Amino acid sequence: MTTSSHEKAFTQLNNKPIVKQKFIKHNTPKKRKCGIGVKKCKRCGRNGAGRNGAHISMYNLGLCRQCFRDIALIIGFKKFN
């Protein structure tokens, strides 16, 4: 389950409030304090740095590598060969 998909089942559970409370109790994602799940891309919401360090937190950017490639020239980074 992704970080926001637990809310998709609410449409069917709105008629059963007790079952909905139990579902919310057991299926909401944990609040993370450390680890891969804490780092989220500010632009697209991908979470995790992965093995390759695919999350760029230097200069307080907080972007994944895909979003960084898209906007690197706009925010002033130059490509060197």
C-alpha atoms as a PDB file:
ATOM      1  CA  MET A   1       0.000   0.000   0.000  1.00  0.00           C
ATOM      2  CA  THR A   2       1.335   3.417  -0.851  1.00  0.00           C
ATOM      3  CA  THR A   3       1.353   6.301   1.579  1.00  0.00           C
ATOM      4  CA  SER A   4      -2.017   7.655   0.488  1.00  0.00           C
ATOM      5  CA  SER A   5      -3.911   4.681  -0.956  1.00  0.00           C
ATOM      6  CA  HIS A   6      -5.455   3.584   2.363  1.00  0.00           C
ATOM      7  CA  GLU A   7      -8.062   6.340   1.899  1.00  0.00           C
ATOM      8  CA  LYS A   8      -9.349   4.891  -1.383  1.00  0.00           C
ATOM      9  CA  ALA A   9     -11.389   2.230   0.403  1.00  0.00           C
ATOM     10  CA  PHE A  10     -13.383   4.814   2.395  1.00  0.00           C
ATOM     11  CA  THR A  11     -16.111   5.035  -0.245  1.00  0.00           C
ATOM     12  CA  GLN A  12     -17.227   1.480   0.468  1.00  0.00           C
ATOM     13  CA  LEU A  13     -16.697   1.705   4.224  1.00  0.00           C
ATOM     14  CA  ASN A  14     -18.708   4.898   4.799  1.00  0.00           C
ATOM     15  CA  ASN A  15     -21.841   2.781   5.365  1.00  0.00           C
ATOM     16  CA  LYS A  16     -20.113   0.724   8.092  1.00  0.00           C
ATOM     17  CA  PRO A  17     -18.572   3.114  10.662  1.00  0.00           C
ATOM     18  CA  ILE A  18     -17.276   0.430  13.048  1.00  0.00           C
ATOM     19  CA  VAL A  19     -15.524  -1.463  10.260  1.00  0.00           C
ATOM     20  CA  LYS A  20     -14.135   1.849   8.969  1.00  0.00           C
ATOM     21  CA  GLN A  21     -12.605   2.697  12.368  1.00  0.00           C
ATOM     22  CA  LYS A  22     -10.934  -0.709  12.534  1.00  0.00           C
ATOM     23  CA  PHE A  23      -9.665  -0.309   8.964  1.00  0.00           C
ATOM     24  CA  ILE A  24      -8.180   3.108   9.764  1.00  0.00           C
ATOM     25  CA  LYS A  25      -6.533   1.762  12.928  1.00  0.00           C
ATOM     26  CA  HIS A  26      -4.741  -1.070  11.136  1.00  0.00           C
ATOM     27  CA  ASN A  27      -4.064   0.377   7.673  1.00  0.00           C
ATOM     28  CA  THR A  28      -2.850   3.947   8.115  1.00  0.00           C
ATOM     29  CA  PRO A  29       0.848   4.294   7.353  1.00  0.00           C
ATOM     30  CA  LYS A  30       3.236   4.819  10.247  1.00  0.00           C
ATOM     31  CA  LYS A  31       4.615   8.250  11.028  1.00  0.00           C
ATOM     32  CA  ARG A  32       8.294   7.891  10.190  1.00  0.00           C
ATOM     33  CA  LYS A  33      11.027   9.571  12.223  1.00  0.00           C
ATOM     34  CA  CYS A  34      14.068   8.183  10.454  1.00  0.00           C
ATOM     35  CA  GLY A  35      14.993   6.043   7.478  1.00  0.00           C
ATOM     36  CA  ILE A  36      14.105   5.959   3.808  1.00  0.00           C
ATOM     37  CA  GLY A  37      10.401   6.726   4.288  1.00  0.00           C
ATOM     38  CA  VAL A  38      11.114  10.162   5.764  1.00  0.00           C
ATOM     39  CA  LYS A  39      12.733  11.576   2.642  1.00  0.00           C
ATOM     40  CA  LYS A  40      10.088  12.587   0.117  1.00  0.00           C
ATOM     41  CA  CYS A  41      10.485  14.537  -3.069  1.00  0.00           C
ATOM     42  CA  LYS A  42       9.017  18.016  -2.704  1.00  0.00           C
ATOM     43  CA  ARG A  43       7.902  18.033  -6.317  1.00  0.00           C
ATOM     44  CA  CYS A  44       6.424  14.597  -7.110  1.00  0.00           C
ATOM     45  CA  GLY A  45       6.188  12.867  -3.719  1.00  0.00           C
ATOM     46  CA  ARG A  46       8.386   9.841  -4.397  1.00  0.00           C
ATOM     47  CA  ASN A  47       9.729   8.573  -1.125  1.00  0.00           C
ATOM     48  CA  GLY A  48      13.003   6.944  -0.279  1.00  0.00           C
ATOM     49  CA  ALA A  49      16.582   7.461  -1.232  1.00  0.00           C
ATOM     50  CA  GLY A  50      17.190   3.928  -2.397  1.00  0.00           C
ATOM     51  CA  ARG A  51      20.571   2.297  -2.727  1.00  0.00           C
ATOM     52  CA  ASN A  52      21.899   4.722  -5.295  1.00  0.00           C
ATOM     53  CA  GLY A  53      21.202   7.853  -3.295  1.00  0.00           C
ATOM     54  CA  ALA A  54      18.466   8.912  -5.685  1.00  0.00           C
ATOM     55  CA  HIS A  55      17.266  11.675  -3.350  1.00  0.00           C
ATOM     56  CA  ILE A  56      19.147  14.968  -3.567  1.00  0.00           C
ATOM     57  CA  SER A  57      19.008  16.702  -0.220  1.00  0.00           C
ATOM     58  CA  MET A  58      22.125  18.804  -0.743  1.00  0.00           C
ATOM     59  CA  TYR A  59      21.504  22.578  -0.785  1.00  0.00           C
ATOM     60  CA  ASN A  60      18.162  21.837   0.918  1.00  0.00           C
ATOM     61  CA  LEU A  61      16.633  20.748  -2.426  1.00  0.00           C
ATOM     62  CA  GLY A  62      14.749  17.626  -1.314  1.00  0.00           C
ATOM     63  CA  LEU A  63      14.205  16.340  -4.865  1.00  0.00           C
ATOM     64  CA  CYS A  64      14.419  12.899  -6.393  1.00  0.00           C
ATOM     65  CA  ARG A  65      16.896  12.446  -9.213  1.00  0.00           C
ATOM     66  CA  GLN A  66      14.194  12.449 -11.907  1.00  0.00           C
ATOM     67  CA  CYS A  67      12.761  15.797 -10.816  1.00  0.00           C
ATOM     68  CA  PHE A  68      16.242  17.234 -10.384  1.00  0.00           C
ATOM     69  CA  ARG A  69      17.066  16.366 -13.991  1.00  0.00           C
ATOM     70  CA  ASP A  70      13.892  18.112 -15.160  1.00  0.00           C
ATOM     71  CA  ILE A  71      14.488  21.398 -13.361  1.00  0.00           C
ATOM     72  CA  ALA A  72      18.285  21.528 -12.935  1.00  0.00           C
ATOM     73  CA  LEU A  73      18.804  24.117 -15.668  1.00  0.00           C
ATOM     74  CA  ILE A  74      15.919  26.242 -14.406  1.00  0.00           C
ATOM     75  CA  ILE A  75      17.305  26.488 -10.874  1.00  0.00           C
ATOM     76  CA  GLY A  76      20.813  27.309 -12.087  1.00  0.00           C
ATOM     77  CA  PHE A  77      22.811  24.075 -12.298  1.00  0.00           C
ATOM     78  CA  LYS A  78      25.025  23.532 -15.325  1.00  0.00           C
ATOM     79  CA  LYS A  79      25.872  20.226 -16.952  1.00  0.00           C
ATOM     80  CA  PHE A  80      29.580  19.469 -17.163  1.00  0.00           C
ATOM     81  CA  ASN A  81      31.013  16.731 -19.397  1.00  0.00           C
END
